[in-house]
Amino acid sequence: SMDVILLIHLSTCLLMTGVIWIVQVVHYPTFRFINNSNNNNFNLFSSFHVKSIGSIVVPLMLVEAITATLLVIKYSSKAIYINFSLLIITWLFTFLVSMPLHKNLQKRHDFLAIEKLIKTNWSRTILWTIRCICLLAFITKSLGVLQ
């Protein structure tokens, strides 16, 4: 039977990967089209993004972090260690790169900050995608699907 913690972790990772791809390909590029002549409009748009996306990603990322930690304690597997390490790197990117850019964009419209947000978010998009592949490989191997 599959481990419940592993299943919850995989589910949150898959959900976050879907969210980050939509944010990267659809949502962040829309920041380019918000009327910059009305700065208040842009501030409202930016604040709305942070609040609404936060209500989705904060609980998912917390569950993901807790279950990743539990998996590291439970399994001594290279795939699980890689998964955990990449998760930490993703959190560092989020707090050190994405969040400061969002803070700037909540204050004022800034083309450079928007472009930097779009460009740097590829790192998180790729990291979440790699983690899904890593977890799926671990699960298929441990279930004996691929030997």
Protein backbone atom coordinates (compact mmCIF):
# COMPACT_ATOMS: atom_id res chain seq x y z
CA SER A 1 0.00 0.00 0.00
CA MET A 2 1.23 3.48 -0.74
CA ASP A 3 2.35 5.66 2.09
CA VAL A 4 -0.30 8.33 2.93
CA ILE A 5 2.36 10.99 3.62
CA LEU A 6 3.96 10.26 0.25
CA LEU A 7 0.56 10.49 -1.46
CA ILE A 8 -0.25 13.83 0.22
CA HIS A 9 3.22 15.11 -0.68
CA LEU A 10 2.93 14.03 -4.31
CA SER A 11 -0.55 15.60 -4.53
CA THR A 12 0.61 18.97 -3.18
CA CYS A 13 3.66 18.91 -5.45
CA LEU A 14 1.51 18.14 -8.51
CA LEU A 15 -1.00 20.87 -7.56
CA MET A 16 1.79 23.44 -7.02
CA THR A 17 3.38 22.46 -10.33
CA GLY A 18 0.07 23.11 -12.10
CA VAL A 19 -0.32 26.42 -10.27
CA ILE A 20 3.24 27.59 -11.01
CA TRP A 21 2.94 26.75 -14.74
CA ILE A 22 -0.33 28.73 -14.99
CA VAL A 23 1.24 31.63 -13.08
CA GLN A 24 4.37 31.51 -15.26
CA VAL A 25 2.76 31.14 -18.68
CA VAL A 26 -0.57 32.94 -18.19
CA HIS A 27 -0.75 35.09 -15.08
CA TYR A 28 2.65 36.81 -14.66
CA PRO A 29 2.66 37.93 -18.32
CA THR A 30 -0.68 39.70 -17.71
CA PHE A 31 1.24 42.10 -15.41
CA ARG A 32 2.60 43.60 -18.65
CA PHE A 33 -0.88 44.63 -19.80
CA ILE A 34 -2.17 46.41 -16.71
CA ASN A 35 -2.52 50.11 -17.50
CA ASN A 36 0.52 51.81 -16.12
CA SER A 37 -0.89 55.34 -16.55
CA ASN A 38 -3.24 54.57 -13.65
CA ASN A 39 -0.77 53.45 -11.00
CA ASN A 40 -3.55 52.86 -8.45
CA ASN A 41 -5.07 50.29 -10.80
CA PHE A 42 -1.78 48.43 -10.94
CA ASN A 43 -1.33 48.53 -7.15
CA LEU A 44 -4.82 47.05 -6.70
CA PHE A 45 -4.05 44.39 -9.30
CA SER A 46 -0.73 43.53 -7.63
CA SER A 47 -2.23 43.39 -4.14
CA PHE A 48 -5.12 41.27 -5.38
CA HIS A 49 -2.63 38.83 -6.95
CA VAL A 50 -0.59 38.47 -3.75
CA LYS A 51 -3.68 37.96 -1.56
CA SER A 52 -5.58 35.61 -3.83
CA ILE A 53 -2.63 33.47 -4.94
CA GLY A 54 -1.50 33.35 -1.30
CA SER A 55 -4.77 31.76 -0.24
CA ILE A 56 -3.98 28.89 -2.63
CA VAL A 57 -0.20 28.51 -2.37
CA VAL A 58 0.45 29.17 1.34
CA PRO A 59 -1.52 26.13 2.61
CA LEU A 60 -0.18 23.93 -0.24
CA MET A 61 3.44 24.97 0.34
CA LEU A 62 3.13 24.42 4.11
CA VAL A 63 1.67 20.92 3.66
CA GLU A 64 4.35 20.24 1.04
CA ALA A 65 7.14 21.34 3.42
CA ILE A 66 5.79 19.31 6.36
CA THR A 67 5.33 16.14 4.31
CA ALA A 68 8.74 16.56 2.60
CA THR A 69 10.35 16.73 6.05
CA LEU A 70 8.47 13.63 7.22
CA LEU A 71 9.56 11.77 4.07
CA VAL A 72 13.23 12.61 4.71
CA ILE A 73 12.85 11.18 8.23
CA LYS A 74 11.07 8.05 6.95
CA TYR A 75 13.08 7.12 3.82
CA SER A 76 16.78 7.05 3.17
CA SER A 77 16.42 7.52 -0.56
CA LYS A 78 18.40 9.69 -2.96
CA ALA A 79 15.18 10.78 -4.73
CA ILE A 80 13.62 11.89 -1.41
CA TYR A 81 16.78 13.81 -0.44
CA ILE A 82 16.91 15.50 -3.86
CA ASN A 83 13.20 16.35 -3.55
CA PHE A 84 13.78 17.92 -0.11
CA SER A 85 16.84 19.89 -1.28
CA LEU A 86 15.03 21.26 -4.33
CA LEU A 87 12.08 22.21 -2.13
CA ILE A 88 14.40 24.24 0.12
CA ILE A 89 15.91 25.96 -2.92
CA THR A 90 12.35 26.77 -4.14
CA TRP A 91 11.50 28.31 -0.74
CA LEU A 92 14.70 30.38 -0.83
CA PHE A 93 13.82 31.64 -4.33
CA THR A 94 10.30 32.46 -3.13
CA PHE A 95 11.45 34.46 -0.09
CA LEU A 96 14.60 36.04 -1.51
CA VAL A 97 13.54 36.77 -5.11
CA SER A 98 9.78 36.50 -5.81
CA MET A 99 8.41 38.06 -2.61
CA PRO A 100 10.64 41.19 -2.69
CA LEU A 101 9.66 41.74 -6.36
CA HIS A 102 5.98 41.43 -5.41
CA LYS A 103 6.49 43.91 -2.55
CA ASN A 104 7.94 46.42 -5.04
CA LEU A 105 5.09 45.85 -7.47
CA GLN A 106 2.51 46.43 -4.73
CA LYS A 107 4.01 49.92 -4.29
CA ARG A 108 4.41 50.93 -7.93
CA HIS A 109 4.34 49.78 -11.55
CA ASP A 110 7.84 48.76 -12.58
CA PHE A 111 8.51 47.20 -16.01
CA LEU A 112 11.93 45.90 -14.93
CA ALA A 113 10.50 44.25 -11.81
CA ILE A 114 7.76 42.62 -13.92
CA GLU A 115 10.30 41.26 -16.41
CA LYS A 116 12.56 40.08 -13.58
CA LEU A 117 9.58 38.37 -11.91
CA ILE A 118 8.74 36.52 -15.14
CA LYS A 119 12.35 35.56 -15.86
CA THR A 120 13.31 34.46 -12.34
CA ASN A 121 10.07 32.50 -11.84
CA TRP A 122 11.25 30.01 -14.48
CA SER A 123 13.57 28.68 -11.75
CA ARG A 124 10.66 27.83 -9.47
CA THR A 125 8.62 26.45 -12.38
CA ILE A 126 11.45 24.12 -13.39
CA LEU A 127 12.24 23.12 -9.79
CA TRP A 128 8.62 22.10 -9.09
CA THR A 129 8.49 20.18 -12.37
CA ILE A 130 11.73 18.32 -11.59
CA ARG A 131 10.38 17.46 -8.13
CA CYS A 132 7.24 15.91 -9.64
CA ILE A 133 9.35 13.79 -11.99
CA CYS A 134 11.63 12.81 -9.10
CA LEU A 135 8.69 11.81 -6.87
CA LEU A 136 6.95 9.88 -9.64
CA ALA A 137 10.21 8.03 -10.38
CA PHE A 138 10.61 7.20 -6.67
CA ILE A 139 7.01 5.94 -6.43
CA THR A 140 7.11 3.85 -9.61
CA LYS A 141 10.43 2.33 -8.52
CA SER A 142 9.23 1.59 -4.98
CA LEU A 143 5.99 0.07 -6.29
CA GLY A 144 8.06 -2.16 -8.56
CA VAL A 145 6.39 -0.74 -11.68
CA LEU A 146 9.76 0.02 -13.25
CA GLN A 147 12.66 -2.17 -12.21
